[in-house]
Amino acid sequence: MSFIHTNLANGRWNELSLMEQLGNIGSEVSRAQNWKDKDEKIFNGAVDRALELFDLTLQDQRWKGRLKEIGRAREVFCDAVLGGKAYGSTLESLNKYFLDFAMAARNNI
């Protein structure tokens, strides 16, 4: 399997805390939000990277008790990307959600 984030996929991702992982996912969510309706190629790249990071997080054995929560966040992200028809989700609301994780990671909480 080929990865966009090769360094992270080779084990670096599993060295990050859950807050750091979700904060990094949030960075891609923010990029997707910023490029939606502006540049389809950059938007799709951010979406692909976010999904890959979600998948790496779901594979991290440390979070096996939180897989349902992480999987649902991935599902809601996909809904937002596709227009929010199932959950009414938006990239804006997800960006706010993930910002808290990035701030917590930065503050080492």
N, C-alpha and C. Protein backbone atom coordinates (compact mmCIF):
# COMPACT_ATOMS: atom_id res chain seq x y z
N MET A 1 0.84 -1.17 0.00
CA MET A 1 0.00 0.00 0.00
C MET A 1 0.89 1.24 0.00
N SER A 2 0.52 2.22 -0.76
CA SER A 2 1.29 3.45 -0.84
C SER A 2 0.64 4.52 0.03
N PHE A 3 1.47 5.25 0.76
CA PHE A 3 0.98 6.26 1.68
C PHE A 3 1.42 7.65 1.24
N ILE A 4 0.60 8.62 1.54
CA ILE A 4 0.96 10.02 1.31
C ILE A 4 1.95 10.44 2.39
N HIS A 5 1.64 10.07 3.62
CA HIS A 5 2.48 10.39 4.79
C HIS A 5 3.39 9.19 5.08
N THR A 6 4.39 8.97 4.26
CA THR A 6 5.21 7.76 4.40
C THR A 6 5.92 7.69 5.74
N ASN A 7 6.49 8.79 6.21
CA ASN A 7 7.19 8.81 7.49
C ASN A 7 6.24 8.45 8.64
N LEU A 8 5.06 9.03 8.61
CA LEU A 8 4.08 8.74 9.66
C LEU A 8 3.59 7.30 9.58
N ALA A 9 3.36 6.81 8.39
CA ALA A 9 2.87 5.45 8.21
C ALA A 9 3.91 4.41 8.62
N ASN A 10 5.18 4.79 8.59
CA ASN A 10 6.26 3.87 8.97
C ASN A 10 6.49 3.82 10.47
N GLY A 11 5.58 4.34 11.25
CA GLY A 11 5.68 4.20 12.70
C GLY A 11 5.69 5.50 13.48
N ARG A 12 6.04 6.59 12.84
CA ARG A 12 6.08 7.88 13.55
C ARG A 12 4.71 8.26 14.10
N TRP A 13 3.65 7.93 13.37
CA TRP A 13 2.30 8.28 13.80
C TRP A 13 1.98 7.67 15.17
N ASN A 14 2.44 6.47 15.40
CA ASN A 14 2.16 5.78 16.66
C ASN A 14 2.96 6.33 17.83
N GLU A 15 3.86 7.26 17.57
CA GLU A 15 4.60 7.92 18.64
C GLU A 15 3.87 9.16 19.14
N LEU A 16 2.87 9.60 18.39
CA LEU A 16 2.12 10.80 18.76
C LEU A 16 0.99 10.46 19.72
N SER A 17 0.64 11.41 20.57
CA SER A 17 -0.51 11.22 21.46
C SER A 17 -1.79 11.32 20.63
N LEU A 18 -2.89 10.91 21.23
CA LEU A 18 -4.18 11.02 20.53
C LEU A 18 -4.49 12.48 20.21
N MET A 19 -4.19 13.38 21.14
CA MET A 19 -4.42 14.81 20.89
C MET A 19 -3.61 15.29 19.69
N GLU A 20 -2.36 14.85 19.60
CA GLU A 20 -1.52 15.24 18.47
C GLU A 20 -2.04 14.66 17.17
N GLN A 21 -2.47 13.41 17.20
CA GLN A 21 -3.01 12.78 16.00
C GLN A 21 -4.26 13.53 15.52
N LEU A 22 -5.18 13.78 16.45
CA LEU A 22 -6.42 14.47 16.06
C LEU A 22 -6.15 15.91 15.65
N GLY A 23 -5.18 16.55 16.28
CA GLY A 23 -4.80 17.90 15.87
C GLY A 23 -4.25 17.92 14.45
N ASN A 24 -3.46 16.91 14.09
CA ASN A 24 -2.94 16.81 12.72
C ASN A 24 -4.06 16.54 11.72
N ILE A 25 -5.00 15.71 12.10
CA ILE A 25 -6.17 15.50 11.24
C ILE A 25 -6.89 16.83 11.04
N GLY A 26 -7.01 17.57 12.13
CA GLY A 26 -7.65 18.88 12.07
C GLY A 26 -6.96 19.85 11.12
N SER A 27 -5.65 19.75 11.00
CA SER A 27 -4.92 20.61 10.05
C SER A 27 -5.39 20.34 8.63
N GLU A 28 -5.60 19.07 8.32
CA GLU A 28 -6.07 18.73 6.96
C GLU A 28 -7.53 19.12 6.78
N VAL A 29 -8.32 19.00 7.84
CA VAL A 29 -9.73 19.45 7.78
C VAL A 29 -9.75 20.95 7.50
N SER A 30 -8.89 21.70 8.18
CA SER A 30 -8.81 23.14 7.97
C SER A 30 -8.40 23.46 6.53
N ARG A 31 -7.42 22.74 6.01
CA ARG A 31 -7.00 22.95 4.61
C ARG A 31 -8.16 22.65 3.65
N ALA A 32 -8.86 21.57 3.92
CA ALA A 32 -10.00 21.23 3.07
C ALA A 32 -11.04 22.35 3.10
N GLN A 33 -11.32 22.84 4.29
CA GLN A 33 -12.29 23.94 4.42
C GLN A 33 -11.81 25.17 3.65
N ASN A 34 -10.53 25.50 3.77
CA ASN A 34 -9.99 26.69 3.12
C ASN A 34 -10.02 26.60 1.60
N TRP A 35 -9.89 25.39 1.03
CA TRP A 35 -9.78 25.24 -0.41
C TRP A 35 -11.06 24.77 -1.07
N LYS A 36 -12.07 24.45 -0.27
CA LYS A 36 -13.34 24.02 -0.85
C LYS A 36 -13.89 25.16 -1.72
N ASP A 37 -14.35 24.81 -2.89
CA ASP A 37 -14.91 25.76 -3.86
C ASP A 37 -13.89 26.77 -4.39
N LYS A 38 -12.59 26.57 -4.09
CA LYS A 38 -11.55 27.45 -4.62
C LYS A 38 -10.62 26.72 -5.57
N ASP A 39 -10.13 25.55 -5.12
CA ASP A 39 -9.20 24.77 -5.93
C ASP A 39 -9.46 23.29 -5.65
N GLU A 40 -10.09 22.63 -6.60
CA GLU A 40 -10.51 21.24 -6.40
C GLU A 40 -9.34 20.31 -6.14
N LYS A 41 -8.22 20.52 -6.81
CA LYS A 41 -7.06 19.64 -6.63
C LYS A 41 -6.50 19.75 -5.21
N ILE A 42 -6.35 20.96 -4.72
CA ILE A 42 -5.83 21.15 -3.36
C ILE A 42 -6.84 20.65 -2.34
N PHE A 43 -8.12 20.92 -2.57
CA PHE A 43 -9.18 20.43 -1.68
C PHE A 43 -9.14 18.90 -1.60
N ASN A 44 -9.11 18.24 -2.74
CA ASN A 44 -9.09 16.77 -2.76
C ASN A 44 -7.84 16.21 -2.09
N GLY A 45 -6.72 16.89 -2.26
CA GLY A 45 -5.49 16.46 -1.60
C GLY A 45 -5.62 16.51 -0.09
N ALA A 46 -6.22 17.58 0.42
CA ALA A 46 -6.42 17.71 1.87
C ALA A 46 -7.38 16.63 2.38
N VAL A 47 -8.42 16.36 1.62
CA VAL A 47 -9.38 15.31 1.99
C VAL A 47 -8.66 13.96 2.03
N ASP A 48 -7.89 13.66 1.01
CA ASP A 48 -7.16 12.38 0.97
C ASP A 48 -6.21 12.25 2.15
N ARG A 49 -5.49 13.33 2.45
CA ARG A 49 -4.55 13.28 3.57
C ARG A 49 -5.28 13.11 4.90
N ALA A 50 -6.40 13.80 5.07
CA ALA A 50 -7.18 13.66 6.31
C ALA A 50 -7.66 12.22 6.47
N LEU A 51 -8.18 11.64 5.39
CA LEU A 51 -8.67 10.26 5.47
C LEU A 51 -7.53 9.29 5.80
N GLU A 52 -6.36 9.52 5.22
CA GLU A 52 -5.23 8.66 5.53
C GLU A 52 -4.87 8.77 7.02
N LEU A 53 -4.87 9.99 7.55
CA LEU A 53 -4.54 10.17 8.96
C LEU A 53 -5.61 9.55 9.86
N PHE A 54 -6.88 9.67 9.47
CA PHE A 54 -7.94 8.97 10.21
C PHE A 54 -7.65 7.47 10.23
N ASP A 55 -7.30 6.93 9.08
CA ASP A 55 -7.06 5.49 8.98
C ASP A 55 -5.85 5.06 9.81
N LEU A 56 -4.80 5.87 9.81
CA LEU A 56 -3.63 5.56 10.64
C LEU A 56 -4.01 5.59 12.13
N THR A 57 -4.86 6.52 12.51
CA THR A 57 -5.31 6.61 13.90
C THR A 57 -6.16 5.40 14.26
N LEU A 58 -7.02 4.98 13.34
CA LEU A 58 -7.86 3.81 13.60
C LEU A 58 -7.03 2.52 13.71
N GLN A 59 -5.85 2.49 13.08
CA GLN A 59 -4.98 1.33 13.16
C GLN A 59 -4.09 1.33 14.40
N ASP A 60 -4.03 2.45 15.09
CA ASP A 60 -3.18 2.56 16.27
C ASP A 60 -3.82 1.78 17.42
N GLN A 61 -3.16 0.71 17.83
CA GLN A 61 -3.71 -0.21 18.84
C GLN A 61 -3.95 0.46 20.19
N ARG A 62 -3.30 1.56 20.46
CA ARG A 62 -3.50 2.23 21.74
C ARG A 62 -4.93 2.76 21.90
N TRP A 63 -5.61 2.99 20.80
CA TRP A 63 -6.94 3.61 20.86
C TRP A 63 -8.06 2.61 20.62
N LYS A 64 -7.81 1.33 20.82
CA LYS A 64 -8.84 0.34 20.50
C LYS A 64 -10.12 0.54 21.29
N GLY A 65 -10.06 1.16 22.44
CA GLY A 65 -11.28 1.47 23.20
C GLY A 65 -12.01 2.70 22.69
N ARG A 66 -11.41 3.40 21.73
CA ARG A 66 -12.00 4.64 21.21
C ARG A 66 -12.28 4.57 19.71
N LEU A 67 -12.22 3.36 19.16
CA LEU A 67 -12.38 3.21 17.72
C LEU A 67 -13.74 3.68 17.22
N LYS A 68 -14.77 3.46 18.00
CA LYS A 68 -16.11 3.88 17.58
C LYS A 68 -16.17 5.40 17.45
N GLU A 69 -15.60 6.10 18.41
CA GLU A 69 -15.58 7.56 18.40
C GLU A 69 -14.76 8.10 17.22
N ILE A 70 -13.58 7.53 17.03
CA ILE A 70 -12.71 7.97 15.93
C ILE A 70 -13.34 7.64 14.58
N GLY A 71 -13.91 6.46 14.48
CA GLY A 71 -14.59 6.06 13.24
C GLY A 71 -15.77 6.96 12.93
N ARG A 72 -16.51 7.35 13.96
CA ARG A 72 -17.64 8.26 13.73
C ARG A 72 -17.17 9.63 13.28
N ALA A 73 -16.06 10.10 13.85
CA ALA A 73 -15.51 11.39 13.40
C ALA A 73 -15.12 11.32 11.93
N ARG A 74 -14.56 10.19 11.52
CA ARG A 74 -14.21 9.99 10.10
C ARG A 74 -15.47 10.01 9.24
N GLU A 75 -16.50 9.34 9.71
CA GLU A 75 -17.77 9.28 8.99
C GLU A 75 -18.39 10.68 8.85
N VAL A 76 -18.35 11.45 9.91
CA VAL A 76 -18.90 12.81 9.89
C VAL A 76 -18.07 13.69 8.95
N PHE A 77 -16.75 13.50 8.93
CA PHE A 77 -15.90 14.23 8.00
C PHE A 77 -16.30 13.91 6.56
N CYS A 78 -16.47 12.64 6.26
CA CYS A 78 -16.90 12.25 4.91
C CYS A 78 -18.24 12.88 4.56
N ASP A 79 -19.15 12.91 5.52
CA ASP A 79 -20.45 13.54 5.30
C ASP A 79 -20.27 15.02 4.96
N ALA A 80 -19.42 15.70 5.70
CA ALA A 80 -19.19 17.13 5.45
C ALA A 80 -18.61 17.35 4.06
N VAL A 81 -17.66 16.51 3.67
CA VAL A 81 -17.03 16.63 2.35
C VAL A 81 -18.08 16.44 1.25
N LEU A 82 -19.03 15.54 1.49
CA LEU A 82 -20.05 15.24 0.48
C LEU A 82 -21.29 16.13 0.59
N GLY A 83 -21.23 17.16 1.42
CA GLY A 83 -22.32 18.13 1.48
C GLY A 83 -23.17 18.08 2.74
N GLY A 84 -22.87 17.22 3.68
CA GLY A 84 -23.57 17.20 4.96
C GLY A 84 -24.99 16.68 4.92
N LYS A 85 -25.31 15.85 3.96
CA LYS A 85 -26.69 15.37 3.81
C LYS A 85 -27.13 14.41 4.91
N ALA A 86 -26.23 13.57 5.40
CA ALA A 86 -26.61 12.56 6.40
C ALA A 86 -26.67 13.14 7.80
N TYR A 87 -25.69 13.95 8.18
CA TYR A 87 -25.60 14.46 9.55
C TYR A 87 -25.71 15.97 9.64
N GLY A 88 -25.78 16.64 8.52
CA GLY A 88 -25.80 18.10 8.54
C GLY A 88 -24.45 18.68 8.95
N SER A 89 -23.41 17.90 8.79
CA SER A 89 -22.08 18.34 9.20
C SER A 89 -21.47 19.29 8.17
N THR A 90 -20.58 20.13 8.65
CA THR A 90 -19.87 21.06 7.78
C THR A 90 -18.39 21.01 8.11
N LEU A 91 -17.58 21.39 7.15
CA LEU A 91 -16.14 21.46 7.41
C LEU A 91 -15.85 22.53 8.45
N GLU A 92 -16.65 23.59 8.47
CA GLU A 92 -16.47 24.65 9.46
C GLU A 92 -16.66 24.12 10.88
N SER A 93 -17.73 23.35 11.09
CA SER A 93 -17.98 22.82 12.43
C SER A 93 -16.90 21.81 12.83
N LEU A 94 -16.45 21.01 11.89
CA LEU A 94 -15.39 20.05 12.18
C LEU A 94 -14.06 20.75 12.46
N ASN A 95 -13.82 21.83 11.76
CA ASN A 95 -12.61 22.59 12.00
C ASN A 95 -12.58 23.09 13.44
N LYS A 96 -13.71 23.59 13.93
CA LYS A 96 -13.80 24.04 15.32
C LYS A 96 -13.60 22.87 16.28
N TYR A 97 -14.18 21.73 15.98
CA TYR A 97 -14.04 20.53 16.81
C TYR A 97 -12.58 20.12 16.93
N PHE A 98 -11.88 20.04 15.81
CA PHE A 98 -10.50 19.57 15.82
C PHE A 98 -9.52 20.61 16.35
N LEU A 99 -9.88 21.88 16.30
CA LEU A 99 -9.00 22.93 16.82
C LEU A 99 -8.71 22.71 18.31
N ASP A 100 -9.71 22.25 19.05
CA ASP A 100 -9.51 21.98 20.48
C ASP A 100 -8.42 20.93 20.70
N PHE A 101 -8.38 19.92 19.86
CA PHE A 101 -7.34 18.89 19.98
C PHE A 101 -5.96 19.47 19.67
N ALA A 102 -5.87 20.30 18.65
CA ALA A 102 -4.60 20.91 18.30
C ALA A 102 -4.10 21.80 19.45
N MET A 103 -5.01 22.55 20.04
CA MET A 103 -4.63 23.42 21.16
C MET A 103 -4.20 22.59 22.37
N ALA A 104 -4.92 21.51 22.65
CA ALA A 104 -4.56 20.64 23.77
C ALA A 104 -3.19 20.00 23.53
N ALA A 105 -2.93 19.58 22.32
CA ALA A 105 -1.63 18.98 22.00
C ALA A 105 -0.52 20.00 22.16
N ARG A 106 -0.77 21.22 21.71
CA ARG A 106 0.25 22.27 21.82
C ARG A 106 0.54 22.58 23.28
N ASN A 107 -0.48 22.51 24.12
CA ASN A 107 -0.32 22.79 25.55
C ASN A 107 0.03 21.56 26.36
N ASN A 108 0.27 20.44 25.68
CA ASN A 108 0.64 19.18 26.32
C ASN A 108 -0.36 18.71 27.38
N ILE A 109 -1.62 18.82 27.05
CA ILE A 109 -2.67 18.36 27.98
C ILE A 109 -2.90 16.88 27.79
